[in-house]
N, C-alpha and C. Protein backbone atom coordinates (compact mmCIF):
# COMPACT_ATOMS: atom_id res chain seq x y z
N MET A 1 0.84 -1.17 0.00
CA MET A 1 0.00 0.00 0.00
C MET A 1 0.89 1.24 0.00
N SER A 2 0.49 2.22 -0.73
CA SER A 2 1.29 3.44 -0.78
C SER A 2 1.10 4.24 0.51
N PHE A 3 2.07 5.10 0.76
CA PHE A 3 2.01 5.94 1.96
C PHE A 3 0.76 6.82 1.95
N ARG A 4 0.43 7.37 0.80
CA ARG A 4 -0.72 8.26 0.67
C ARG A 4 -2.04 7.53 1.01
N LEU A 5 -2.19 6.32 0.49
CA LEU A 5 -3.38 5.54 0.76
C LEU A 5 -3.44 5.14 2.23
N THR A 6 -2.32 4.75 2.80
CA THR A 6 -2.26 4.38 4.21
C THR A 6 -2.64 5.57 5.09
N PHE A 7 -2.11 6.74 4.75
CA PHE A 7 -2.42 7.95 5.52
C PHE A 7 -3.91 8.27 5.45
N ARG A 8 -4.50 8.17 4.27
CA ARG A 8 -5.94 8.45 4.12
C ARG A 8 -6.78 7.46 4.92
N LEU A 9 -6.40 6.20 4.88
CA LEU A 9 -7.11 5.18 5.63
C LEU A 9 -7.01 5.45 7.13
N LEU A 10 -5.83 5.80 7.59
CA LEU A 10 -5.62 6.11 9.00
C LEU A 10 -6.43 7.35 9.41
N ALA A 11 -6.41 8.38 8.57
CA ALA A 11 -7.17 9.60 8.86
C ALA A 11 -8.67 9.32 8.90
N SER A 12 -9.17 8.54 7.96
CA SER A 12 -10.60 8.21 7.93
C SER A 12 -11.00 7.40 9.16
N THR A 13 -10.18 6.44 9.53
CA THR A 13 -10.46 5.61 10.69
C THR A 13 -10.45 6.45 11.97
N THR A 14 -9.49 7.35 12.08
CA THR A 14 -9.41 8.22 13.26
C THR A 14 -10.63 9.12 13.35
N LEU A 15 -11.03 9.70 12.23
CA LEU A 15 -12.21 10.56 12.21
C LEU A 15 -13.46 9.79 12.60
N LEU A 16 -13.62 8.60 12.07
CA LEU A 16 -14.76 7.75 12.41
C LEU A 16 -14.77 7.41 13.89
N PHE A 17 -13.61 7.09 14.44
CA PHE A 17 -13.49 6.75 15.85
C PHE A 17 -13.91 7.92 16.73
N PHE A 18 -13.39 9.12 16.44
CA PHE A 18 -13.73 10.29 17.25
C PHE A 18 -15.18 10.71 17.08
N SER A 19 -15.75 10.53 15.91
CA SER A 19 -17.18 10.82 15.71
C SER A 19 -18.03 9.90 16.57
N ALA A 20 -17.67 8.62 16.58
CA ALA A 20 -18.40 7.65 17.40
C ALA A 20 -18.24 7.96 18.88
N LEU A 21 -17.04 8.34 19.28
CA LEU A 21 -16.78 8.68 20.67
C LEU A 21 -17.58 9.90 21.10
N CYS A 22 -17.63 10.92 20.25
CA CYS A 22 -18.40 12.13 20.56
C CYS A 22 -19.88 11.82 20.69
N SER A 23 -20.40 10.95 19.84
CA SER A 23 -21.82 10.64 19.91
C SER A 23 -22.17 9.89 21.20
N LEU A 24 -21.20 9.19 21.79
CA LEU A 24 -21.45 8.51 23.06
C LEU A 24 -21.66 9.51 24.19
N PHE A 25 -20.98 10.65 24.13
CA PHE A 25 -21.05 11.63 25.20
C PHE A 25 -22.07 12.73 24.94
N GLN A 26 -22.76 12.67 23.83
CA GLN A 26 -23.75 13.68 23.49
C GLN A 26 -25.03 13.39 24.27
N ARG A 27 -25.52 14.40 24.99
CA ARG A 27 -26.74 14.21 25.77
C ARG A 27 -27.93 14.11 24.83
N GLN A 28 -28.73 13.08 25.01
CA GLN A 28 -29.89 12.89 24.15
C GLN A 28 -31.04 12.28 24.95
N THR A 29 -32.25 12.62 24.53
CA THR A 29 -33.45 12.03 25.10
C THR A 29 -34.35 11.62 23.95
N THR A 30 -35.15 10.59 24.17
CA THR A 30 -36.02 10.08 23.11
C THR A 30 -37.46 10.08 23.58
N ARG A 31 -38.34 10.56 22.70
CA ARG A 31 -39.79 10.50 22.93
C ARG A 31 -40.43 10.00 21.66
N GLY A 32 -40.96 8.80 21.68
CA GLY A 32 -41.56 8.22 20.48
C GLY A 32 -40.52 8.06 19.40
N ALA A 33 -40.79 8.60 18.22
CA ALA A 33 -39.88 8.48 17.08
C ALA A 33 -38.81 9.56 17.05
N VAL A 34 -38.81 10.47 18.04
CA VAL A 34 -37.92 11.63 18.02
C VAL A 34 -36.83 11.50 19.09
N THR A 35 -35.59 11.75 18.67
CA THR A 35 -34.48 11.83 19.61
C THR A 35 -34.01 13.28 19.63
N PHE A 36 -33.94 13.86 20.83
CA PHE A 36 -33.50 15.25 21.00
C PHE A 36 -32.03 15.27 21.41
N TYR A 37 -31.29 16.22 20.86
CA TYR A 37 -29.87 16.40 21.16
C TYR A 37 -29.64 17.83 21.63
N ASP A 38 -28.70 18.00 22.55
CA ASP A 38 -28.34 19.33 23.03
C ASP A 38 -27.29 20.01 22.15
N SER A 39 -26.74 19.28 21.20
CA SER A 39 -25.76 19.85 20.28
C SER A 39 -26.01 19.25 18.89
N ILE A 40 -25.27 19.72 17.91
CA ILE A 40 -25.49 19.28 16.53
C ILE A 40 -25.22 17.78 16.43
N PRO A 41 -26.20 16.99 16.00
CA PRO A 41 -26.02 15.54 15.91
C PRO A 41 -24.97 15.16 14.86
N ALA A 42 -24.13 14.20 15.20
CA ALA A 42 -23.06 13.77 14.29
C ALA A 42 -23.62 13.20 12.99
N GLN A 43 -24.79 12.54 13.06
CA GLN A 43 -25.33 11.90 11.87
C GLN A 43 -25.97 12.88 10.89
N CYS A 44 -26.13 14.13 11.28
CA CYS A 44 -26.66 15.14 10.34
C CYS A 44 -26.07 16.50 10.69
N ASN A 45 -24.77 16.60 10.49
CA ASN A 45 -24.06 17.84 10.81
C ASN A 45 -23.86 18.74 9.58
N THR A 46 -24.55 18.41 8.49
CA THR A 46 -24.57 19.25 7.29
C THR A 46 -26.03 19.45 6.89
N THR A 47 -26.26 20.43 6.04
CA THR A 47 -27.63 20.62 5.57
C THR A 47 -27.85 19.79 4.31
N ARG A 48 -29.09 19.45 4.09
CA ARG A 48 -29.45 18.72 2.88
C ARG A 48 -30.86 19.16 2.51
N GLY A 49 -30.98 19.89 1.43
CA GLY A 49 -32.28 20.37 0.99
C GLY A 49 -32.51 21.85 1.22
N LEU A 50 -31.53 22.55 1.78
CA LEU A 50 -31.63 24.00 2.00
C LEU A 50 -30.48 24.71 1.31
N ARG A 51 -30.67 25.99 1.01
CA ARG A 51 -29.56 26.79 0.48
C ARG A 51 -28.49 27.02 1.54
N GLN A 52 -28.92 27.23 2.77
CA GLN A 52 -27.98 27.47 3.87
C GLN A 52 -27.13 26.22 4.06
N GLN A 53 -25.83 26.38 4.05
CA GLN A 53 -24.93 25.22 4.14
C GLN A 53 -24.42 24.95 5.55
N GLU A 54 -24.54 25.92 6.45
CA GLU A 54 -23.99 25.77 7.80
C GLU A 54 -25.09 25.40 8.79
N VAL A 55 -24.85 24.34 9.56
CA VAL A 55 -25.76 23.98 10.64
C VAL A 55 -25.33 24.78 11.86
N ARG A 56 -26.27 25.45 12.49
CA ARG A 56 -25.94 26.32 13.61
C ARG A 56 -26.97 26.15 14.72
N VAL A 57 -26.51 26.25 15.95
CA VAL A 57 -27.39 26.27 17.11
C VAL A 57 -28.06 27.64 17.17
N VAL A 58 -29.38 27.66 17.32
CA VAL A 58 -30.11 28.92 17.45
C VAL A 58 -30.92 28.88 18.75
N HIS A 59 -31.24 30.06 19.27
CA HIS A 59 -31.93 30.12 20.56
C HIS A 59 -33.22 30.93 20.53
N SER A 60 -33.76 31.16 19.34
CA SER A 60 -35.04 31.87 19.24
C SER A 60 -35.62 31.63 17.85
N GLU A 61 -36.90 31.93 17.73
CA GLU A 61 -37.53 31.79 16.42
C GLU A 61 -36.94 32.78 15.43
N SER A 62 -36.64 33.99 15.89
CA SER A 62 -36.07 34.99 14.97
C SER A 62 -34.70 34.55 14.46
N GLU A 63 -33.87 33.95 15.33
CA GLU A 63 -32.57 33.41 14.89
C GLU A 63 -32.78 32.27 13.90
N LEU A 64 -33.77 31.44 14.16
CA LEU A 64 -34.08 30.32 13.28
C LEU A 64 -34.44 30.83 11.89
N ARG A 65 -35.33 31.81 11.83
CA ARG A 65 -35.74 32.39 10.54
C ARG A 65 -34.57 33.08 9.85
N GLU A 66 -33.80 33.85 10.62
CA GLU A 66 -32.69 34.60 10.05
C GLU A 66 -31.61 33.69 9.47
N HIS A 67 -31.28 32.63 10.20
CA HIS A 67 -30.19 31.76 9.74
C HIS A 67 -30.63 30.79 8.65
N TYR A 68 -31.73 30.08 8.88
CA TYR A 68 -32.15 29.03 7.95
C TYR A 68 -33.12 29.51 6.87
N GLY A 69 -33.92 30.54 7.16
CA GLY A 69 -34.82 31.10 6.16
C GLY A 69 -36.18 30.43 6.06
N LEU A 70 -36.35 29.27 6.66
CA LEU A 70 -37.61 28.52 6.62
C LEU A 70 -37.90 27.96 8.01
N THR A 71 -39.18 27.81 8.32
CA THR A 71 -39.56 27.05 9.51
C THR A 71 -40.64 26.05 9.11
N PHE A 72 -40.74 25.00 9.89
CA PHE A 72 -41.67 23.90 9.62
C PHE A 72 -42.36 23.48 10.91
N ILE A 73 -43.51 22.88 10.74
CA ILE A 73 -44.13 22.08 11.81
C ILE A 73 -44.11 20.65 11.31
N VAL A 74 -43.70 19.75 12.18
CA VAL A 74 -43.77 18.32 11.88
C VAL A 74 -44.68 17.71 12.93
N ARG A 75 -45.72 17.04 12.47
CA ARG A 75 -46.65 16.36 13.37
C ARG A 75 -46.57 14.86 13.12
N PHE A 76 -46.73 14.10 14.18
CA PHE A 76 -46.65 12.65 14.09
C PHE A 76 -48.03 12.05 14.35
N ASN A 77 -48.33 10.99 13.63
CA ASN A 77 -49.63 10.32 13.73
C ASN A 77 -49.64 9.16 14.72
N ASP A 78 -48.51 8.89 15.38
CA ASP A 78 -48.43 7.73 16.26
C ASP A 78 -49.03 7.97 17.64
N GLY A 79 -49.37 9.22 17.97
CA GLY A 79 -49.95 9.51 19.27
C GLY A 79 -48.95 9.53 20.40
N VAL A 80 -47.68 9.33 20.12
CA VAL A 80 -46.64 9.29 21.14
C VAL A 80 -45.60 10.39 20.92
N SER A 81 -45.17 10.55 19.69
CA SER A 81 -44.12 11.51 19.35
C SER A 81 -44.66 12.94 19.42
N PRO A 82 -43.87 13.87 19.96
CA PRO A 82 -44.33 15.25 20.07
C PRO A 82 -44.29 15.98 18.74
N ALA A 83 -45.16 16.97 18.57
CA ALA A 83 -45.09 17.86 17.41
C ALA A 83 -43.83 18.71 17.55
N LEU A 84 -43.22 19.04 16.42
CA LEU A 84 -41.98 19.81 16.43
C LEU A 84 -42.14 21.08 15.61
N TYR A 85 -41.53 22.16 16.09
CA TYR A 85 -41.46 23.40 15.33
C TYR A 85 -40.00 23.79 15.22
N GLY A 86 -39.54 24.03 14.02
CA GLY A 86 -38.15 24.42 13.79
C GLY A 86 -37.85 24.39 12.32
N THR A 87 -36.58 24.20 11.98
CA THR A 87 -36.18 24.10 10.58
C THR A 87 -35.74 22.69 10.27
N LEU A 88 -36.40 22.09 9.31
CA LEU A 88 -36.05 20.77 8.83
C LEU A 88 -34.88 20.95 7.85
N TYR A 89 -33.67 20.86 8.39
CA TYR A 89 -32.49 21.21 7.60
C TYR A 89 -31.84 20.02 6.92
N TYR A 90 -32.23 18.81 7.28
CA TYR A 90 -31.62 17.62 6.70
C TYR A 90 -32.73 16.61 6.42
N GLN A 91 -32.86 16.22 5.16
CA GLN A 91 -33.86 15.22 4.77
C GLN A 91 -33.20 14.22 3.84
N ASP A 92 -33.15 12.97 4.25
CA ASP A 92 -32.58 11.92 3.40
C ASP A 92 -33.54 10.73 3.42
N GLN A 93 -34.36 10.64 2.37
CA GLN A 93 -35.36 9.57 2.31
C GLN A 93 -34.71 8.20 2.17
N SER A 94 -33.57 8.11 1.48
CA SER A 94 -32.94 6.80 1.30
C SER A 94 -32.41 6.25 2.62
N LEU A 95 -31.92 7.12 3.51
CA LEU A 95 -31.47 6.70 4.84
C LEU A 95 -32.60 6.76 5.86
N ASN A 96 -33.75 7.35 5.46
CA ASN A 96 -34.88 7.55 6.36
C ASN A 96 -34.44 8.34 7.60
N ARG A 97 -33.75 9.46 7.34
CA ARG A 97 -33.25 10.30 8.43
C ARG A 97 -33.65 11.75 8.17
N TYR A 98 -34.22 12.37 9.20
CA TYR A 98 -34.68 13.75 9.12
C TYR A 98 -34.19 14.47 10.37
N CYS A 99 -33.66 15.68 10.19
CA CYS A 99 -33.09 16.42 11.32
C CYS A 99 -33.62 17.85 11.34
N MET A 100 -33.94 18.32 12.54
CA MET A 100 -34.48 19.68 12.71
C MET A 100 -33.67 20.45 13.73
N ALA A 101 -33.46 21.74 13.43
CA ALA A 101 -32.93 22.68 14.41
C ALA A 101 -34.14 23.30 15.10
N LEU A 102 -34.14 23.29 16.42
CA LEU A 102 -35.27 23.81 17.19
C LEU A 102 -34.92 25.18 17.76
N PRO A 103 -35.91 26.04 17.99
CA PRO A 103 -35.62 27.40 18.46
C PRO A 103 -35.14 27.48 19.91
N ASP A 104 -35.06 26.37 20.62
CA ASP A 104 -34.57 26.39 22.00
C ASP A 104 -33.12 25.91 22.11
N GLY A 105 -32.42 25.83 20.97
CA GLY A 105 -31.01 25.44 20.98
C GLY A 105 -30.78 23.95 20.83
N ARG A 106 -31.85 23.17 20.79
CA ARG A 106 -31.70 21.72 20.64
C ARG A 106 -31.91 21.31 19.20
N PHE A 107 -31.68 20.02 18.95
CA PHE A 107 -31.89 19.42 17.63
C PHE A 107 -32.74 18.18 17.81
N ALA A 108 -33.53 17.86 16.79
CA ALA A 108 -34.38 16.67 16.80
C ALA A 108 -34.03 15.82 15.59
N VAL A 109 -33.90 14.51 15.81
CA VAL A 109 -33.62 13.56 14.73
C VAL A 109 -34.73 12.52 14.77
N PHE A 110 -35.28 12.20 13.60
CA PHE A 110 -36.35 11.20 13.56
C PHE A 110 -36.34 10.50 12.22
N SER A 111 -37.08 9.40 12.16
CA SER A 111 -37.27 8.68 10.90
C SER A 111 -38.77 8.49 10.72
N ASP A 112 -39.14 8.08 9.53
CA ASP A 112 -40.56 7.88 9.24
C ASP A 112 -40.89 6.40 9.30
N SER A 113 -42.12 6.10 9.55
CA SER A 113 -42.62 4.73 9.52
C SER A 113 -44.07 4.80 9.07
N SER A 114 -44.65 3.66 8.82
CA SER A 114 -46.05 3.62 8.39
C SER A 114 -46.94 3.28 9.57
N ILE A 115 -48.00 4.05 9.72
CA ILE A 115 -49.00 3.76 10.75
C ILE A 115 -49.89 2.63 10.26
N ASP A 116 -50.27 2.72 9.00
CA ASP A 116 -51.01 1.65 8.33
C ASP A 116 -50.63 1.69 6.86
N ALA A 117 -51.34 0.96 6.03
CA ALA A 117 -50.98 0.85 4.61
C ALA A 117 -51.02 2.18 3.87
N GLU A 118 -51.78 3.14 4.38
CA GLU A 118 -51.94 4.41 3.66
C GLU A 118 -51.42 5.63 4.42
N THR A 119 -50.96 5.47 5.65
CA THR A 119 -50.60 6.63 6.48
C THR A 119 -49.16 6.55 6.96
N ASN A 120 -48.37 7.56 6.60
CA ASN A 120 -47.03 7.69 7.16
C ASN A 120 -47.13 8.27 8.55
N ASN A 121 -46.09 8.08 9.35
CA ASN A 121 -46.11 8.58 10.72
C ASN A 121 -46.04 10.09 10.77
N PHE A 122 -45.14 10.71 10.01
CA PHE A 122 -45.04 12.16 10.15
C PHE A 122 -45.50 12.92 8.93
N VAL A 123 -45.99 14.13 9.21
CA VAL A 123 -46.44 15.05 8.17
C VAL A 123 -45.72 16.37 8.42
N GLN A 124 -45.08 16.91 7.38
CA GLN A 124 -44.40 18.19 7.53
C GLN A 124 -45.17 19.29 6.83
N GLU A 125 -45.11 20.47 7.41
CA GLU A 125 -45.81 21.62 6.85
C GLU A 125 -44.88 22.82 6.91
N VAL A 126 -44.71 23.51 5.78
CA VAL A 126 -43.87 24.71 5.76
C VAL A 126 -44.62 25.84 6.44
N CYS A 127 -43.96 26.53 7.34
CA CYS A 127 -44.57 27.68 8.02
C CYS A 127 -44.01 28.96 7.43
N TYR A 128 -42.96 29.48 8.03
CA TYR A 128 -42.35 30.72 7.53
C TYR A 128 -41.59 30.42 6.26
N PRO A 129 -41.73 31.15 5.21
CA PRO A 129 -42.34 32.46 5.03
C PRO A 129 -43.78 32.42 4.54
N ILE A 130 -44.41 31.26 4.46
CA ILE A 130 -45.75 31.15 3.89
C ILE A 130 -46.83 31.57 4.88
N LYS A 131 -46.74 31.10 6.12
CA LYS A 131 -47.76 31.44 7.11
C LYS A 131 -47.17 31.37 8.50
N ASP A 132 -47.94 31.85 9.47
CA ASP A 132 -47.51 31.85 10.87
C ASP A 132 -48.13 30.64 11.56
N CYS A 133 -47.36 29.60 11.70
CA CYS A 133 -47.86 28.36 12.31
C CYS A 133 -47.98 28.46 13.82
N LEU A 134 -47.37 29.46 14.42
CA LEU A 134 -47.39 29.56 15.87
C LEU A 134 -48.69 30.14 16.42
N GLN A 135 -49.64 30.47 15.54
CA GLN A 135 -50.95 30.91 16.02
C GLN A 135 -51.68 29.76 16.69
N ASP A 136 -51.46 28.54 16.19
CA ASP A 136 -52.02 27.35 16.82
C ASP A 136 -51.03 26.85 17.86
N PRO A 137 -51.48 26.58 19.08
CA PRO A 137 -50.53 26.10 20.09
C PRO A 137 -49.94 24.75 19.68
N ILE A 138 -48.64 24.64 19.85
CA ILE A 138 -47.93 23.39 19.56
C ILE A 138 -47.40 22.85 20.88
N PRO A 139 -47.68 21.60 21.18
CA PRO A 139 -47.15 21.05 22.42
C PRO A 139 -45.63 21.07 22.40
N THR A 140 -45.02 21.52 23.49
CA THR A 140 -43.57 21.52 23.56
C THR A 140 -43.11 20.20 24.17
N PRO A 141 -41.99 19.65 23.68
CA PRO A 141 -41.52 18.37 24.19
C PRO A 141 -41.07 18.48 25.65
N GLN A 142 -41.45 17.53 26.44
CA GLN A 142 -41.02 17.46 27.83
C GLN A 142 -39.70 16.72 27.89
N GLN A 143 -38.84 17.12 28.79
CA GLN A 143 -37.53 16.44 28.88
C GLN A 143 -37.55 15.38 29.92
């Protein structure tokens, strides 16, 4: 093996190891299909589907709108998972992984499943800039 290939393999392995190690120490809680993180989740630390390329922690709705430019409501049909309000910044249907930045500084990661033959578990709705979704009360997730 050439030195260059060996170095790349070693660098990739080291990066993978430290990513796995960081995810072990990341505080997370799960409610239904949603896992909440206090920092940017390692499995979705880039954007996918938005013009904004940088994932950033935000602490208010105005910061959320200013940085990401869009807000969403995601509701779940399973009766267990909480409704979410934030920016759906990462969507990968092939991996079945969806990630949201929330206005309280946290992040939510979830996947979709089928409730029955015709109903998916989650439904997403674009809020800002189309409409103000916060007029309807949204249950906030309990920790």
